[in-house]
PDB file of N, CA and C in Angstrom:
ATOM      1  N   MET A   1      37.651 -33.783 -23.693  1.00  0.00           N
ATOM      2  CA  MET A   1      38.606 -34.383 -24.605  1.00  0.00           C
ATOM      3  C   MET A   1      38.968 -35.771 -24.080  1.00  0.00           C
ATOM      4  N   TYR A   2      40.001 -35.948 -23.339  1.00  0.00           N
ATOM      5  CA  TYR A   2      40.432 -37.173 -22.689  1.00  0.00           C
ATOM      6  C   TYR A   2      40.439 -38.401 -23.595  1.00  0.00           C
ATOM      7  N   SER A   3      40.912 -38.230 -24.813  1.00  0.00           N
ATOM      8  CA  SER A   3      41.148 -39.381 -25.675  1.00  0.00           C
ATOM      9  C   SER A   3      42.344 -40.151 -25.124  1.00  0.00           C
ATOM     10  N   VAL A   4      42.343 -41.458 -25.364  1.00  0.00           N
ATOM     11  CA  VAL A   4      43.435 -42.306 -24.901  1.00  0.00           C
ATOM     12  C   VAL A   4      44.423 -42.495 -26.046  1.00  0.00           C
ATOM     13  N   VAL A   5      45.681 -42.161 -25.774  1.00  0.00           N
ATOM     14  CA  VAL A   5      46.748 -42.269 -26.765  1.00  0.00           C
ATOM     15  C   VAL A   5      47.731 -43.331 -26.290  1.00  0.00           C
ATOM     16  N   CYS A   6      48.069 -44.253 -27.190  1.00  0.00           N
ATOM     17  CA  CYS A   6      49.079 -45.262 -26.883  1.00  0.00           C
ATOM     18  C   CYS A   6      50.349 -44.913 -27.654  1.00  0.00           C
ATOM     19  N   LEU A   7      51.442 -44.741 -26.940  1.00  0.00           N
ATOM     20  CA  LEU A   7      52.745 -44.473 -27.536  1.00  0.00           C
ATOM     21  C   LEU A   7      53.480 -45.799 -27.713  1.00  0.00           C
ATOM     22  N   ILE A   8      53.919 -46.078 -28.941  1.00  0.00           N
ATOM     23  CA  ILE A   8      54.680 -47.298 -29.201  1.00  0.00           C
ATOM     24  C   ILE A   8      55.972 -46.915 -29.905  1.00  0.00           C
ATOM     25  N   GLY A   9      56.963 -47.776 -29.805  1.00  0.00           N
ATOM     26  CA  GLY A   9      58.232 -47.525 -30.474  1.00  0.00           C
ATOM     27  C   GLY A   9      59.368 -48.129 -29.686  1.00  0.00           C
ATOM     28  N   SER A  10      60.563 -47.952 -30.204  1.00  0.00           N
ATOM     29  CA  SER A  10      61.744 -48.478 -29.539  1.00  0.00           C
ATOM     30  C   SER A  10      61.957 -47.750 -28.217  1.00  0.00           C
ATOM     31  N   THR A  11      62.175 -48.525 -27.169  1.00  0.00           N
ATOM     32  CA  THR A  11      62.370 -47.920 -25.851  1.00  0.00           C
ATOM     33  C   THR A  11      63.745 -47.270 -25.716  1.00  0.00           C
ATOM     34  N   LYS A  12      64.574 -47.369 -26.752  1.00  0.00           N
ATOM     35  CA  LYS A  12      65.845 -46.643 -26.700  1.00  0.00           C
ATOM     36  C   LYS A  12      65.610 -45.139 -26.826  1.00  0.00           C
ATOM     37  N   PHE A  13      64.379 -44.759 -27.201  1.00  0.00           N
ATOM     38  CA  PHE A  13      64.015 -43.347 -27.306  1.00  0.00           C
ATOM     39  C   PHE A  13      63.259 -42.876 -26.062  1.00  0.00           C
ATOM     40  N   GLU A  14      63.703 -43.331 -24.907  1.00  0.00           N
ATOM     41  CA  GLU A  14      63.011 -43.029 -23.648  1.00  0.00           C
ATOM     42  C   GLU A  14      62.780 -41.529 -23.456  1.00  0.00           C
ATOM     43  N   SER A  15      63.769 -40.708 -23.756  1.00  0.00           N
ATOM     44  CA  SER A  15      63.599 -39.272 -23.523  1.00  0.00           C
ATOM     45  C   SER A  15      62.487 -38.698 -24.404  1.00  0.00           C
ATOM     46  N   THR A  16      62.341 -39.191 -25.620  1.00  0.00           N
ATOM     47  CA  THR A  16      61.261 -38.729 -26.500  1.00  0.00           C
ATOM     48  C   THR A  16      59.912 -39.186 -25.969  1.00  0.00           C
ATOM     49  N   PHE A  17      59.840 -40.418 -25.493  1.00  0.00           N
ATOM     50  CA  PHE A  17      58.607 -40.899 -24.867  1.00  0.00           C
ATOM     51  C   PHE A  17      58.219 -39.994 -23.708  1.00  0.00           C
ATOM     52  N   ARG A  18      59.185 -39.684 -22.851  1.00  0.00           N
ATOM     53  CA  ARG A  18      58.915 -38.866 -21.668  1.00  0.00           C
ATOM     54  C   ARG A  18      58.402 -37.472 -22.060  1.00  0.00           C
ATOM     55  N   GLU A  19      59.017 -36.874 -23.081  1.00  0.00           N
ATOM     56  CA  GLU A  19      58.569 -35.560 -23.550  1.00  0.00           C
ATOM     57  C   GLU A  19      57.130 -35.628 -24.065  1.00  0.00           C
ATOM     58  N   LEU A  20      56.820 -36.665 -24.850  1.00  0.00           N
ATOM     59  CA  LEU A  20      55.466 -36.814 -25.386  1.00  0.00           C
ATOM     60  C   LEU A  20      54.458 -37.090 -24.272  1.00  0.00           C
ATOM     61  N   GLU A  21      54.837 -37.913 -23.309  1.00  0.00           N
ATOM     62  CA  GLU A  21      53.947 -38.186 -22.174  1.00  0.00           C
ATOM     63  C   GLU A  21      53.538 -36.889 -21.503  1.00  0.00           C
ATOM     64  N   GLU A  22      54.524 -36.041 -21.240  1.00  0.00           N
ATOM     65  CA  GLU A  22      54.245 -34.786 -20.546  1.00  0.00           C
ATOM     66  C   GLU A  22      53.410 -33.840 -21.404  1.00  0.00           C
ATOM     67  N   SER A  23      53.839 -33.618 -22.648  1.00  0.00           N
ATOM     68  CA  SER A  23      53.127 -32.634 -23.477  1.00  0.00           C
ATOM     69  C   SER A  23      51.706 -33.071 -23.792  1.00  0.00           C
ATOM     70  N   LEU A  24      51.505 -34.340 -24.062  1.00  0.00           N
ATOM     71  CA  LEU A  24      50.148 -34.816 -24.386  1.00  0.00           C
ATOM     72  C   LEU A  24      49.260 -34.860 -23.142  1.00  0.00           C
ATOM     73  N   THR A  25      49.836 -35.200 -22.001  1.00  0.00           N
ATOM     74  CA  THR A  25      49.071 -35.182 -20.747  1.00  0.00           C
ATOM     75  C   THR A  25      48.584 -33.771 -20.445  1.00  0.00           C
ATOM     76  N   LEU A  26      49.452 -32.782 -20.644  1.00  0.00           N
ATOM     77  CA  LEU A  26      49.080 -31.393 -20.384  1.00  0.00           C
ATOM     78  C   LEU A  26      48.049 -30.862 -21.378  1.00  0.00           C
ATOM     79  N   LYS A  27      47.915 -31.558 -22.509  1.00  0.00           N
ATOM     80  CA  LYS A  27      46.862 -31.207 -23.472  1.00  0.00           C
ATOM     81  C   LYS A  27      45.549 -31.931 -23.167  1.00  0.00           C
ATOM     82  N   GLY A  28      45.547 -32.796 -22.158  1.00  0.00           N
ATOM     83  CA  GLY A  28      44.324 -33.464 -21.744  1.00  0.00           C
ATOM     84  C   GLY A  28      44.151 -34.880 -22.257  1.00  0.00           C
ATOM     85  N   TYR A  29      45.210 -35.481 -22.792  1.00  0.00           N
ATOM     86  CA  TYR A  29      45.124 -36.860 -23.264  1.00  0.00           C
ATOM     87  C   TYR A  29      45.512 -37.816 -22.138  1.00  0.00           C
ATOM     88  N   LEU A  30      44.925 -39.005 -22.153  1.00  0.00           N
ATOM     89  CA  LEU A  30      45.330 -40.085 -21.255  1.00  0.00           C
ATOM     90  C   LEU A  30      46.336 -40.926 -22.023  1.00  0.00           C
ATOM     91  N   ILE A  31      47.465 -41.205 -21.417  1.00  0.00           N
ATOM     92  CA  ILE A  31      48.578 -41.809 -22.139  1.00  0.00           C
ATOM     93  C   ILE A  31      48.884 -43.225 -21.650  1.00  0.00           C
ATOM     94  N   PHE A  32      48.969 -44.144 -22.608  1.00  0.00           N
ATOM     95  CA  PHE A  32      49.577 -45.463 -22.385  1.00  0.00           C
ATOM     96  C   PHE A  32      50.967 -45.368 -22.980  1.00  0.00           C
ATOM     97  N   SER A  33      51.948 -45.770 -22.230  1.00  0.00           N
ATOM     98  CA  SER A  33      53.332 -45.652 -22.670  1.00  0.00           C
ATOM     99  C   SER A  33      54.117 -46.833 -22.119  1.00  0.00           C
ATOM    100  N   PRO A  34      55.306 -47.103 -22.678  1.00  0.00           N
ATOM    101  CA  PRO A  34      56.114 -48.173 -22.075  1.00  0.00           C
ATOM    102  C   PRO A  34      56.414 -47.841 -20.615  1.00  0.00           C
ATOM    103  N   LEU A  35      56.379 -48.825 -19.793  1.00  0.00           N
ATOM    104  CA  LEU A  35      56.721 -48.616 -18.384  1.00  0.00           C
ATOM    105  C   LEU A  35      58.052 -49.278 -18.046  1.00  0.00           C
ATOM    106  N   VAL A  36      58.559 -50.058 -19.001  1.00  0.00           N
ATOM    107  CA  VAL A  36      59.861 -50.700 -18.840  1.00  0.00           C
ATOM    108  C   VAL A  36      60.711 -50.280 -20.029  1.00  0.00           C
ATOM    109  N   TYR A  37      61.826 -49.645 -19.753  1.00  0.00           N
ATOM    110  CA  TYR A  37      62.739 -49.235 -20.809  1.00  0.00           C
ATOM    111  C   TYR A  37      63.954 -50.145 -20.798  1.00  0.00           C
ATOM    112  N   ASN A  38      64.704 -50.122 -21.878  1.00  0.00           N
ATOM    113  CA  ASN A  38      65.881 -50.979 -22.023  1.00  0.00           C
ATOM    114  C   ASN A  38      65.476 -52.449 -21.976  1.00  0.00           C
ATOM    115  N   GLN A  39      64.608 -52.826 -22.884  1.00  0.00           N
ATOM    116  CA  GLN A  39      64.092 -54.191 -22.929  1.00  0.00           C
ATOM    117  C   GLN A  39      65.021 -55.153 -23.658  1.00  0.00           C
ATOM    118  N   SER A  40      66.192 -54.700 -24.042  1.00  0.00           N
ATOM    119  CA  SER A  40      67.114 -55.526 -24.828  1.00  0.00           C
ATOM    120  C   SER A  40      67.713 -56.679 -24.036  1.00  0.00           C
ATOM    121  N   GLY A  41      67.535 -56.673 -22.733  1.00  0.00           N
ATOM    122  CA  GLY A  41      68.116 -57.717 -21.909  1.00  0.00           C
ATOM    123  C   GLY A  41      69.277 -57.215 -21.075  1.00  0.00           C
ATOM    124  N   ASP A  42      69.679 -55.966 -21.292  1.00  0.00           N
ATOM    125  CA  ASP A  42      70.778 -55.404 -20.514  1.00  0.00           C
ATOM    126  C   ASP A  42      70.367 -55.123 -19.074  1.00  0.00           C
ATOM    127  N   LYS A  43      69.090 -54.860 -18.879  1.00  0.00           N
ATOM    128  CA  LYS A  43      68.578 -54.527 -17.557  1.00  0.00           C
ATOM    129  C   LYS A  43      68.235 -55.831 -16.822  1.00  0.00           C
ATOM    130  N   PRO A  44      68.618 -55.946 -15.567  1.00  0.00           N
ATOM    131  CA  PRO A  44      68.254 -57.159 -14.809  1.00  0.00           C
ATOM    132  C   PRO A  44      66.742 -57.361 -14.831  1.00  0.00           C
ATOM    133  N   GLY A  45      66.325 -58.588 -15.058  1.00  0.00           N
ATOM    134  CA  GLY A  45      64.898 -58.899 -15.087  1.00  0.00           C
ATOM    135  C   GLY A  45      64.311 -58.848 -16.479  1.00  0.00           C
ATOM    136  N   CYS A  46      65.021 -58.226 -17.413  1.00  0.00           N
ATOM    137  CA  CYS A  46      64.536 -58.188 -18.795  1.00  0.00           C
ATOM    138  C   CYS A  46      65.223 -59.293 -19.578  1.00  0.00           C
ATOM    139  N   GLY A  47      64.536 -59.752 -20.552  1.00  0.00           N
ATOM    140  CA  GLY A  47      65.038 -60.820 -21.398  1.00  0.00           C
ATOM    141  C   GLY A  47      63.918 -61.261 -22.303  1.00  0.00           C
ATOM    142  N   LYS A  48      64.057 -62.421 -22.895  1.00  0.00           N
ATOM    143  CA  LYS A  48      63.085 -62.891 -23.883  1.00  0.00           C
ATOM    144  C   LYS A  48      61.675 -63.005 -23.296  1.00  0.00           C
ATOM    145  N   LYS A  49      61.548 -63.620 -22.128  1.00  0.00           N
ATOM    146  CA  LYS A  49      60.220 -63.810 -21.521  1.00  0.00           C
ATOM    147  C   LYS A  49      59.592 -62.458 -21.168  1.00  0.00           C
ATOM    148  N   ALA A  50      60.371 -61.572 -20.579  1.00  0.00           N
ATOM    149  CA  ALA A  50      59.859 -60.238 -20.234  1.00  0.00           C
ATOM    150  C   ALA A  50      59.423 -59.493 -21.487  1.00  0.00           C
ATOM    151  N   LYS A  51      60.197 -59.610 -22.554  1.00  0.00           N
ATOM    152  CA  LYS A  51      59.867 -58.945 -23.814  1.00  0.00           C
ATOM    153  C   LYS A  51      58.537 -59.464 -24.360  1.00  0.00           C
ATOM    154  N   GLU A  52      58.303 -60.760 -24.275  1.00  0.00           N
ATOM    155  CA  GLU A  52      57.035 -61.346 -24.729  1.00  0.00           C
ATOM    156  C   GLU A  52      55.863 -60.789 -23.927  1.00  0.00           C
ATOM    157  N   ILE A  53      56.035 -60.686 -22.618  1.00  0.00           N
ATOM    158  CA  ILE A  53      54.985 -60.153 -21.748  1.00  0.00           C
ATOM    159  C   ILE A  53      54.697 -58.699 -22.113  1.00  0.00           C
ATOM    160  N   ILE A  54      55.741 -57.920 -22.315  1.00  0.00           N
ATOM    161  CA  ILE A  54      55.588 -56.506 -22.652  1.00  0.00           C
ATOM    162  C   ILE A  54      54.894 -56.343 -24.004  1.00  0.00           C
ATOM    163  N   ASP A  55      55.245 -57.178 -24.978  1.00  0.00           N
ATOM    164  CA  ASP A  55      54.606 -57.095 -26.299  1.00  0.00           C
ATOM    165  C   ASP A  55      53.101 -57.363 -26.214  1.00  0.00           C
ATOM    166  N   VAL A  56      52.710 -58.361 -25.442  1.00  0.00           N
ATOM    167  CA  VAL A  56      51.276 -58.651 -25.264  1.00  0.00           C
ATOM    168  C   VAL A  56      50.596 -57.491 -24.546  1.00  0.00           C
ATOM    169  N   ALA A  57      51.220 -56.989 -23.500  1.00  0.00           N
ATOM    170  CA  ALA A  57      50.637 -55.862 -22.754  1.00  0.00           C
ATOM    171  C   ALA A  57      50.459 -54.638 -23.653  1.00  0.00           C
ATOM    172  N   THR A  58      51.414 -54.394 -24.532  1.00  0.00           N
ATOM    173  CA  THR A  58      51.313 -53.245 -25.435  1.00  0.00           C
ATOM    174  C   THR A  58      50.132 -53.415 -26.383  1.00  0.00           C
ATOM    175  N   LYS A  59      49.921 -54.609 -26.896  1.00  0.00           N
ATOM    176  CA  LYS A  59      48.775 -54.845 -27.785  1.00  0.00           C
ATOM    177  C   LYS A  59      47.462 -54.637 -27.024  1.00  0.00           C
ATOM    178  N   LEU A  60      47.416 -55.004 -25.765  1.00  0.00           N
ATOM    179  CA  LEU A  60      46.218 -54.756 -24.955  1.00  0.00           C
ATOM    180  C   LEU A  60      46.003 -53.266 -24.749  1.00  0.00           C
ATOM    181  N   LYS A  61      47.087 -52.519 -24.555  1.00  0.00           N
ATOM    182  CA  LYS A  61      46.978 -51.063 -24.438  1.00  0.00           C
ATOM    183  C   LYS A  61      46.428 -50.471 -25.739  1.00  0.00           C
ATOM    184  N   ILE A  62      46.902 -50.979 -26.869  1.00  0.00           N
ATOM    185  CA  ILE A  62      46.409 -50.517 -28.169  1.00  0.00           C
ATOM    186  C   ILE A  62      44.914 -50.789 -28.282  1.00  0.00           C
ATOM    187  N   ASN A  63      44.484 -51.950 -27.834  1.00  0.00           N
ATOM    188  CA  ASN A  63      43.053 -52.301 -27.876  1.00  0.00           C
ATOM    189  C   ASN A  63      42.197 -51.263 -27.168  1.00  0.00           C
ATOM    190  N   HIS A  64      42.713 -50.685 -26.106  1.00  0.00           N
ATOM    191  CA  HIS A  64      41.954 -49.741 -25.277  1.00  0.00           C
ATOM    192  C   HIS A  64      42.242 -48.278 -25.615  1.00  0.00           C
ATOM    193  N   SER A  65      42.960 -48.049 -26.702  1.00  0.00           N
ATOM    194  CA  SER A  65      43.331 -46.688 -27.096  1.00  0.00           C
ATOM    195  C   SER A  65      42.457 -46.174 -28.228  1.00  0.00           C
ATOM    196  N   ASP A  66      42.383 -44.848 -28.308  1.00  0.00           N
ATOM    197  CA  ASP A  66      41.678 -44.198 -29.408  1.00  0.00           C
ATOM    198  C   ASP A  66      42.633 -43.870 -30.552  1.00  0.00           C
ATOM    199  N   ILE A  67      43.875 -43.591 -30.219  1.00  0.00           N
ATOM    200  CA  ILE A  67      44.891 -43.164 -31.178  1.00  0.00           C
ATOM    201  C   ILE A  67      46.210 -43.846 -30.807  1.00  0.00           C
ATOM    202  N   VAL A  68      47.003 -44.191 -31.818  1.00  0.00           N
ATOM    203  CA  VAL A  68      48.328 -44.762 -31.587  1.00  0.00           C
ATOM    204  C   VAL A  68      49.368 -43.830 -32.199  1.00  0.00           C
ATOM    205  N   VAL A  69      50.393 -43.516 -31.428  1.00  0.00           N
ATOM    206  CA  VAL A  69      51.500 -42.695 -31.918  1.00  0.00           C
ATOM    207  C   VAL A  69      52.747 -43.571 -31.953  1.00  0.00           C
ATOM    208  N   VAL A  70      53.345 -43.669 -33.144  1.00  0.00           N
ATOM    209  CA  VAL A  70      54.587 -44.414 -33.309  1.00  0.00           C
ATOM    210  C   VAL A  70      55.742 -43.456 -33.059  1.00  0.00           C
ATOM    211  N   VAL A  71      56.507 -43.722 -32.015  1.00  0.00           N
ATOM    212  CA  VAL A  71      57.670 -42.914 -31.681  1.00  0.00           C
ATOM    213  C   VAL A  71      58.840 -43.485 -32.486  1.00  0.00           C
ATOM    214  N   ASP A  72      58.937 -43.010 -33.718  1.00  0.00           N
ATOM    215  CA  ASP A  72      59.922 -43.522 -34.686  1.00  0.00           C
ATOM    216  C   ASP A  72      60.959 -42.450 -34.997  1.00  0.00           C
ATOM    217  N   VAL A  73      61.777 -42.153 -34.020  1.00  0.00           N
ATOM    218  CA  VAL A  73      62.803 -41.118 -34.168  1.00  0.00           C
ATOM    219  C   VAL A  73      63.670 -41.441 -35.388  1.00  0.00           C
ATOM    220  N   ASP A  74      63.832 -40.459 -36.267  1.00  0.00           N
ATOM    221  CA  ASP A  74      64.583 -40.622 -37.520  1.00  0.00           C
ATOM    222  C   ASP A  74      64.031 -41.760 -38.378  1.00  0.00           C
ATOM    223  N   GLY A  75      62.751 -42.091 -38.207  1.00  0.00           N
ATOM    224  CA  GLY A  75      62.103 -43.120 -39.014  1.00  0.00           C
ATOM    225  C   GLY A  75      62.391 -44.543 -38.569  1.00  0.00           C
ATOM    226  N   TYR A  76      63.120 -44.720 -37.445  1.00  0.00           N
ATOM    227  CA  TYR A  76      63.465 -46.066 -36.992  1.00  0.00           C
ATOM    228  C   TYR A  76      62.247 -46.783 -36.414  1.00  0.00           C
ATOM    229  N   MET A  77      62.005 -48.002 -36.913  1.00  0.00           N
ATOM    230  CA  MET A  77      60.920 -48.823 -36.389  1.00  0.00           C
ATOM    231  C   MET A  77      61.383 -50.283 -36.407  1.00  0.00           C
ATOM    232  N   GLY A  78      61.521 -50.880 -35.223  1.00  0.00           N
ATOM    233  CA  GLY A  78      61.938 -52.277 -35.122  1.00  0.00           C
ATOM    234  C   GLY A  78      60.771 -53.226 -35.372  1.00  0.00           C
ATOM    235  N   ASN A  79      61.071 -54.509 -35.332  1.00  0.00           N
ATOM    236  CA  ASN A  79      60.063 -55.532 -35.623  1.00  0.00           C
ATOM    237  C   ASN A  79      58.891 -55.519 -34.649  1.00  0.00           C
ATOM    238  N   SER A  80      59.166 -55.341 -33.363  1.00  0.00           N
ATOM    239  CA  SER A  80      58.072 -55.311 -32.378  1.00  0.00           C
ATOM    240  C   SER A  80      57.154 -54.129 -32.637  1.00  0.00           C
ATOM    241  N   THR A  81      57.749 -52.989 -32.914  1.00  0.00           N
ATOM    242  CA  THR A  81      56.946 -51.790 -33.191  1.00  0.00           C
ATOM    243  C   THR A  81      56.121 -51.978 -34.458  1.00  0.00           C
ATOM    244  N   LYS A  82      56.704 -52.564 -35.480  1.00  0.00           N
ATOM    245  CA  LYS A  82      55.960 -52.827 -36.719  1.00  0.00           C
ATOM    246  C   LYS A  82      54.764 -53.735 -36.443  1.00  0.00           C
ATOM    247  N   ALA A  83      54.964 -54.767 -35.634  1.00  0.00           N
ATOM    248  CA  ALA A  83      53.863 -55.682 -35.305  1.00  0.00           C
ATOM    249  C   ALA A  83      52.783 -54.958 -34.511  1.00  0.00           C
ATOM    250  N   GLN A  84      53.195 -54.099 -33.586  1.00  0.00           N
ATOM    251  CA  GLN A  84      52.226 -53.332 -32.801  1.00  0.00           C
ATOM    252  C   GLN A  84      51.474 -52.350 -33.687  1.00  0.00           C
ATOM    253  N   ARG A  85      52.173 -51.681 -34.591  1.00  0.00           N
ATOM    254  CA  ARG A  85      51.536 -50.760 -35.526  1.00  0.00           C
ATOM    255  C   ARG A  85      50.532 -51.501 -36.407  1.00  0.00           C
ATOM    256  N   ASP A  86      50.936 -52.675 -36.895  1.00  0.00           N
ATOM    257  CA  ASP A  86      50.041 -53.472 -37.738  1.00  0.00           C
ATOM    258  C   ASP A  86      48.800 -53.900 -36.956  1.00  0.00           C
ATOM    259  N   HIS A  87      48.963 -54.195 -35.683  1.00  0.00           N
ATOM    260  CA  HIS A  87      47.831 -54.538 -34.821  1.00  0.00           C
ATOM    261  C   HIS A  87      46.862 -53.364 -34.734  1.00  0.00           C
ATOM    262  N   ALA A  88      47.402 -52.168 -34.549  1.00  0.00           N
ATOM    263  CA  ALA A  88      46.568 -50.960 -34.477  1.00  0.00           C
ATOM    264  C   ALA A  88      45.833 -50.736 -35.792  1.00  0.00           C
ATOM    265  N   LEU A  89      46.529 -50.900 -36.906  1.00  0.00           N
ATOM    266  CA  LEU A  89      45.895 -50.721 -38.207  1.00  0.00           C
ATOM    267  C   LEU A  89      44.804 -51.758 -38.442  1.00  0.00           C
ATOM    268  N   PHE A  90      45.049 -53.001 -38.006  1.00  0.00           N
ATOM    269  CA  PHE A  90      44.047 -54.059 -38.126  1.00  0.00           C
ATOM    270  C   PHE A  90      42.766 -53.689 -37.374  1.00  0.00           C
ATOM    271  N   LEU A  91      42.943 -52.996 -36.245  1.00  0.00           N
ATOM    272  CA  LEU A  91      41.798 -52.567 -35.433  1.00  0.00           C
ATOM    273  C   LEU A  91      41.213 -51.234 -35.909  1.00  0.00           C
ATOM    274  N   ASN A  92      41.730 -50.719 -37.019  1.00  0.00           N
ATOM    275  CA  ASN A  92      41.286 -49.430 -37.583  1.00  0.00           C
ATOM    276  C   ASN A  92      41.507 -48.255 -36.636  1.00  0.00           C
ATOM    277  N   LYS A  93      42.587 -48.325 -35.867  1.00  0.00           N
ATOM    278  CA  LYS A  93      42.956 -47.209 -34.992  1.00  0.00           C
ATOM    279  C   LYS A  93      43.733 -46.184 -35.811  1.00  0.00           C
ATOM    280  N   PRO A  94      43.499 -44.894 -35.596  1.00  0.00           N
ATOM    281  CA  PRO A  94      44.345 -43.903 -36.257  1.00  0.00           C
ATOM    282  C   PRO A  94      45.784 -44.047 -35.763  1.00  0.00           C
ATOM    283  N   VAL A  95      46.733 -44.035 -36.690  1.00  0.00           N
ATOM    284  CA  VAL A  95      48.148 -44.167 -36.353  1.00  0.00           C
ATOM    285  C   VAL A  95      48.878 -42.920 -36.847  1.00  0.00           C
ATOM    286  N   LEU A  96      49.554 -42.244 -35.919  1.00  0.00           N
ATOM    287  CA  LEU A  96      50.338 -41.055 -36.239  1.00  0.00           C
ATOM    288  C   LEU A  96      51.819 -41.382 -36.043  1.00  0.00           C
ATOM    289  N   TYR A  97      52.681 -40.727 -36.841  1.00  0.00           N
ATOM    290  CA  TYR A  97      54.111 -41.001 -36.796  1.00  0.00           C
ATOM    291  C   TYR A  97      54.875 -39.778 -36.302  1.00  0.00           C
ATOM    292  N   TYR A  98      55.657 -39.981 -35.268  1.00  0.00           N
ATOM    293  CA  TYR A  98      56.477 -38.919 -34.694  1.00  0.00           C
ATOM    294  C   TYR A  98      57.415 -38.328 -35.745  1.00  0.00           C
ATOM    295  N   SER A  99      58.066 -39.198 -36.533  1.00  0.00           N
ATOM    296  CA  SER A  99      59.067 -38.734 -37.499  1.00  0.00           C
ATOM    297  C   SER A  99      58.465 -37.846 -38.590  1.00  0.00           C
ATOM    298  N   LYS A 100      57.180 -37.944 -38.804  1.00  0.00           N
ATOM    299  CA  LYS A 100      56.504 -37.136 -39.838  1.00  0.00           C
ATOM    300  C   LYS A 100      55.884 -35.866 -39.246  1.00  0.00           C
ATOM    301  N   GLY A 101      56.080 -35.662 -37.932  1.00  0.00           N
ATOM    302  CA  GLY A 101      55.537 -34.479 -37.279  1.00  0.00           C
ATOM    303  C   GLY A 101      54.029 -34.532 -37.068  1.00  0.00           C
ATOM    304  N   GLU A 102      53.443 -35.707 -37.192  1.00  0.00           N
ATOM    305  CA  GLU A 102      51.983 -35.840 -37.098  1.00  0.00           C
ATOM    306  C   GLU A 102      51.457 -35.682 -35.674  1.00  0.00           C
ATOM    307  N   VAL A 103      52.334 -35.755 -34.685  1.00  0.00           N
ATOM    308  CA  VAL A 103      51.898 -35.610 -33.295  1.00  0.00           C
ATOM    309  C   VAL A 103      51.358 -34.202 -33.061  1.00  0.00           C
ATOM    310  N   SER A 104      51.825 -33.259 -33.837  1.00  0.00           N
ATOM    311  CA  SER A 104      51.352 -31.866 -33.677  1.00  0.00           C
ATOM    312  C   SER A 104      49.867 -31.739 -33.981  1.00  0.00           C
ATOM    313  N   ARG A 105      49.277 -32.735 -34.646  1.00  0.00           N
ATOM    314  CA  ARG A 105      47.829 -32.698 -34.917  1.00  0.00           C
ATOM    315  C   ARG A 105      47.001 -32.954 -33.659  1.00  0.00           C
ATOM    316  N   LEU A 106      47.629 -33.476 -32.635  1.00  0.00           N
ATOM    317  CA  LEU A 106      46.896 -33.765 -31.392  1.00  0.00           C
ATOM    318  C   LEU A 106      46.791 -32.510 -30.548  1.00  0.00           C
TER     319      LEU A 106
END
């Protein structure tokens, strides 16, 4: 199996990301996930420049993924996530939505 899954979405849903990382890893998937949470600038070292770097890194992770999962708790999707999702769709990557329960297909 060992398909590569990229998790994207608002990092305010860190606990959901962590749950998905664990459950999908135990199913045999390789996971790309945010490694920096609280990107709003509240955390020391985060800010506009850091956010730009993270956005580019996420698109590179999408490039190397087989599947993209949008972690859109209650359907919430911010502008960065929308741009990342659109990037995945442009590359013809399958995109699954957490809020629609599509992760269960993995």
